[in-house]
Amino acid sequence: MVWHDVPSSSPAYRARHTLEILVGALLSQTQGSAKISLPLPRT
């Protein structure tokens, strides 16, 4: 991911935010298009 000490253009926190949105969409779909509040609870 990092080559020749160049900083990442995709930090991990951005990936977590994207994943949280995708999981929220899936939860909403499984609950009949229910509104899902973000951020999701951490376990």
PDB file of N, CA and C in Angstrom:
ATOM      1  N   MET A   1       0.829  -1.188   0.000  1.00  0.00           N
ATOM      2  CA  MET A   1       0.000   0.000   0.000  1.00  0.00           C
ATOM      3  C   MET A   1       0.874   1.253   0.000  1.00  0.00           C
ATOM      4  N   VAL A   2       1.889   1.259   0.808  1.00  0.00           N
ATOM      5  CA  VAL A   2       2.764   2.424   0.851  1.00  0.00           C
ATOM      6  C   VAL A   2       4.059   2.035   0.152  1.00  0.00           C
ATOM      7  N   TRP A   3       4.421   2.838  -0.812  1.00  0.00           N
ATOM      8  CA  TRP A   3       5.600   2.533  -1.613  1.00  0.00           C
ATOM      9  C   TRP A   3       6.562   3.699  -1.532  1.00  0.00           C
ATOM     10  N   HIS A   4       7.772   3.451  -1.129  1.00  0.00           N
ATOM     11  CA  HIS A   4       8.808   4.472  -1.001  1.00  0.00           C
ATOM     12  C   HIS A   4       8.393   5.588  -0.035  1.00  0.00           C
ATOM     13  N   ASP A   5       7.818   5.209   1.094  1.00  0.00           N
ATOM     14  CA  ASP A   5       7.423   6.151   2.155  1.00  0.00           C
ATOM     15  C   ASP A   5       6.439   7.221   1.705  1.00  0.00           C
ATOM     16  N   VAL A   6       5.627   6.922   0.721  1.00  0.00           N
ATOM     17  CA  VAL A   6       4.580   7.837   0.272  1.00  0.00           C
ATOM     18  C   VAL A   6       3.335   7.577   1.119  1.00  0.00           C
ATOM     19  N   PRO A   7       2.689   8.611   1.666  1.00  0.00           N
ATOM     20  CA  PRO A   7       1.495   8.382   2.486  1.00  0.00           C
ATOM     21  C   PRO A   7       0.350   7.790   1.664  1.00  0.00           C
ATOM     22  N   SER A   8      -0.498   7.039   2.345  1.00  0.00           N
ATOM     23  CA  SER A   8      -1.634   6.396   1.697  1.00  0.00           C
ATOM     24  C   SER A   8      -2.649   7.427   1.231  1.00  0.00           C
ATOM     25  N   SER A   9      -3.228   7.200   0.073  1.00  0.00           N
ATOM     26  CA  SER A   9      -4.284   8.088  -0.409  1.00  0.00           C
ATOM     27  C   SER A   9      -5.654   7.620   0.078  1.00  0.00           C
ATOM     28  N   SER A  10      -5.707   6.456   0.714  1.00  0.00           N
ATOM     29  CA  SER A  10      -6.960   5.902   1.237  1.00  0.00           C
ATOM     30  C   SER A  10      -6.757   5.466   2.685  1.00  0.00           C
ATOM     31  N   PRO A  11      -6.815   6.402   3.626  1.00  0.00           N
ATOM     32  CA  PRO A  11      -6.596   6.032   5.026  1.00  0.00           C
ATOM     33  C   PRO A  11      -7.678   5.075   5.526  1.00  0.00           C
ATOM     34  N   ALA A  12      -7.327   4.303   6.534  1.00  0.00           N
ATOM     35  CA  ALA A  12      -8.229   3.277   7.072  1.00  0.00           C
ATOM     36  C   ALA A  12      -9.547   3.866   7.577  1.00  0.00           C
ATOM     37  N   TYR A  13      -9.518   5.060   8.167  1.00  0.00           N
ATOM     38  CA  TYR A  13     -10.761   5.620   8.699  1.00  0.00           C
ATOM     39  C   TYR A  13     -11.780   5.883   7.584  1.00  0.00           C
ATOM     40  N   ARG A  14     -11.324   6.222   6.392  1.00  0.00           N
ATOM     41  CA  ARG A  14     -12.257   6.429   5.269  1.00  0.00           C
ATOM     42  C   ARG A  14     -12.874   5.106   4.843  1.00  0.00           C
ATOM     43  N   ALA A  15     -12.098   4.050   4.880  1.00  0.00           N
ATOM     44  CA  ALA A  15     -12.622   2.725   4.554  1.00  0.00           C
ATOM     45  C   ALA A  15     -13.668   2.304   5.577  1.00  0.00           C
ATOM     46  N   ARG A  16     -13.421   2.580   6.860  1.00  0.00           N
ATOM     47  CA  ARG A  16     -14.401   2.242   7.908  1.00  0.00           C
ATOM     48  C   ARG A  16     -15.698   3.017   7.713  1.00  0.00           C
ATOM     49  N   HIS A  17     -15.610   4.291   7.347  1.00  0.00           N
ATOM     50  CA  HIS A  17     -16.820   5.089   7.108  1.00  0.00           C
ATOM     51  C   HIS A  17     -17.615   4.512   5.944  1.00  0.00           C
ATOM     52  N   THR A  18     -16.926   4.148   4.873  1.00  0.00           N
ATOM     53  CA  THR A  18     -17.589   3.567   3.706  1.00  0.00           C
ATOM     54  C   THR A  18     -18.256   2.253   4.068  1.00  0.00           C
ATOM     55  N   LEU A  19     -17.550   1.407   4.809  1.00  0.00           N
ATOM     56  CA  LEU A  19     -18.109   0.120   5.223  1.00  0.00           C
ATOM     57  C   LEU A  19     -19.325   0.319   6.116  1.00  0.00           C
ATOM     58  N   GLU A  20     -19.279   1.303   6.992  1.00  0.00           N
ATOM     59  CA  GLU A  20     -20.408   1.579   7.879  1.00  0.00           C
ATOM     60  C   GLU A  20     -21.650   1.978   7.073  1.00  0.00           C
ATOM     61  N   ILE A  21     -21.481   2.770   6.043  1.00  0.00           N
ATOM     62  CA  ILE A  21     -22.612   3.163   5.193  1.00  0.00           C
ATOM     63  C   ILE A  21     -23.184   1.947   4.477  1.00  0.00           C
ATOM     64  N   LEU A  22     -22.305   1.088   3.959  1.00  0.00           N
ATOM     65  CA  LEU A  22     -22.779  -0.122   3.267  1.00  0.00           C
ATOM     66  C   LEU A  22     -23.520  -1.056   4.219  1.00  0.00           C
ATOM     67  N   VAL A  23     -22.986  -1.250   5.413  1.00  0.00           N
ATOM     68  CA  VAL A  23     -23.654  -2.106   6.406  1.00  0.00           C
ATOM     69  C   VAL A  23     -24.990  -1.489   6.802  1.00  0.00           C
ATOM     70  N   GLY A  24     -25.041  -0.181   6.967  1.00  0.00           N
ATOM     71  CA  GLY A  24     -26.303   0.490   7.288  1.00  0.00           C
ATOM     72  C   GLY A  24     -27.337   0.290   6.202  1.00  0.00           C
ATOM     73  N   ALA A  25     -26.923   0.335   4.950  1.00  0.00           N
ATOM     74  CA  ALA A  25     -27.860   0.099   3.844  1.00  0.00           C
ATOM     75  C   ALA A  25     -28.391  -1.330   3.879  1.00  0.00           C
ATOM     76  N   LEU A  26     -27.528  -2.288   4.166  1.00  0.00           N
ATOM     77  CA  LEU A  26     -27.970  -3.676   4.256  1.00  0.00           C
ATOM     78  C   LEU A  26     -28.913  -3.892   5.434  1.00  0.00           C
ATOM     79  N   LEU A  27     -28.610  -3.274   6.574  1.00  0.00           N
ATOM     80  CA  LEU A  27     -29.501  -3.379   7.735  1.00  0.00           C
ATOM     81  C   LEU A  27     -30.868  -2.788   7.416  1.00  0.00           C
ATOM     82  N   SER A  28     -30.875  -1.644   6.768  1.00  0.00           N
ATOM     83  CA  SER A  28     -32.130  -1.006   6.391  1.00  0.00           C
ATOM     84  C   SER A  28     -32.952  -1.916   5.486  1.00  0.00           C
ATOM     85  N   GLN A  29     -32.291  -2.529   4.527  1.00  0.00           N
ATOM     86  CA  GLN A  29     -32.977  -3.415   3.597  1.00  0.00           C
ATOM     87  C   GLN A  29     -33.574  -4.623   4.307  1.00  0.00           C
ATOM     88  N   THR A  30     -32.826  -5.207   5.247  1.00  0.00           N
ATOM     89  CA  THR A  30     -33.330  -6.391   5.955  1.00  0.00           C
ATOM     90  C   THR A  30     -34.482  -6.045   6.886  1.00  0.00           C
ATOM     91  N   GLN A  31     -34.593  -4.767   7.260  1.00  0.00           N
ATOM     92  CA  GLN A  31     -35.664  -4.336   8.162  1.00  0.00           C
ATOM     93  C   GLN A  31     -36.781  -3.628   7.411  1.00  0.00           C
ATOM     94  N   GLY A  32     -36.920  -3.937   6.135  1.00  0.00           N
ATOM     95  CA  GLY A  32     -38.016  -3.372   5.354  1.00  0.00           C
ATOM     96  C   GLY A  32     -37.853  -1.894   5.064  1.00  0.00           C
ATOM     97  N   SER A  33     -36.675  -1.456   4.730  1.00  0.00           N
ATOM     98  CA  SER A  33     -36.358  -0.055   4.422  1.00  0.00           C
ATOM     99  C   SER A  33     -36.512   0.861   5.630  1.00  0.00           C
ATOM    100  N   ALA A  34     -36.204   0.330   6.810  1.00  0.00           N
ATOM    101  CA  ALA A  34     -36.276   1.123   8.039  1.00  0.00           C
ATOM    102  C   ALA A  34     -35.139   2.137   8.069  1.00  0.00           C
ATOM    103  N   LYS A  35     -35.382   3.249   8.737  1.00  0.00           N
ATOM    104  CA  LYS A  35     -34.352   4.268   8.904  1.00  0.00           C
ATOM    105  C   LYS A  35     -33.283   3.737   9.867  1.00  0.00           C
ATOM    106  N   ILE A  36     -32.038   3.868   9.485  1.00  0.00           N
ATOM    107  CA  ILE A  36     -30.914   3.421  10.306  1.00  0.00           C
ATOM    108  C   ILE A  36     -30.109   4.651  10.708  1.00  0.00           C
ATOM    109  N   SER A  37     -29.858   4.786  11.994  1.00  0.00           N
ATOM    110  CA  SER A  37     -29.071   5.919  12.502  1.00  0.00           C
ATOM    111  C   SER A  37     -27.590   5.586  12.450  1.00  0.00           C
ATOM    112  N   LEU A  38     -26.831   6.503  11.867  1.00  0.00           N
ATOM    113  CA  LEU A  38     -25.382   6.369  11.855  1.00  0.00           C
ATOM    114  C   LEU A  38     -24.806   7.381  12.821  1.00  0.00           C
ATOM    115  N   PRO A  39     -23.700   7.110  13.463  1.00  0.00           N
ATOM    116  CA  PRO A  39     -22.872   5.930  13.347  1.00  0.00           C
ATOM    117  C   PRO A  39     -23.519   4.728  14.022  1.00  0.00           C
ATOM    118  N   LEU A  40     -23.191   3.558  13.501  1.00  0.00           N
ATOM    119  CA  LEU A  40     -23.682   2.310  14.072  1.00  0.00           C
ATOM    120  C   LEU A  40     -23.003   2.071  15.414  1.00  0.00           C
ATOM    121  N   PRO A  41     -23.694   1.384  16.327  1.00  0.00           N
ATOM    122  CA  PRO A  41     -23.062   1.106  17.635  1.00  0.00           C
ATOM    123  C   PRO A  41     -21.852   0.190  17.467  1.00  0.00           C
ATOM    124  N   ARG A  42     -20.823   0.451  18.214  1.00  0.00           N
ATOM    125  CA  ARG A  42     -19.600  -0.369  18.189  1.00  0.00           C
ATOM    126  C   ARG A  42     -19.741  -1.483  19.230  1.00  0.00           C
ATOM    127  N   THR A  43     -19.301  -2.677  18.831  1.00  0.00           N
ATOM    128  CA  THR A  43     -19.350  -3.804  19.785  1.00  0.00           C
ATOM    129  C   THR A  43     -17.994  -4.404  19.978  1.00  0.00           C
TER     130      THR A  43
END
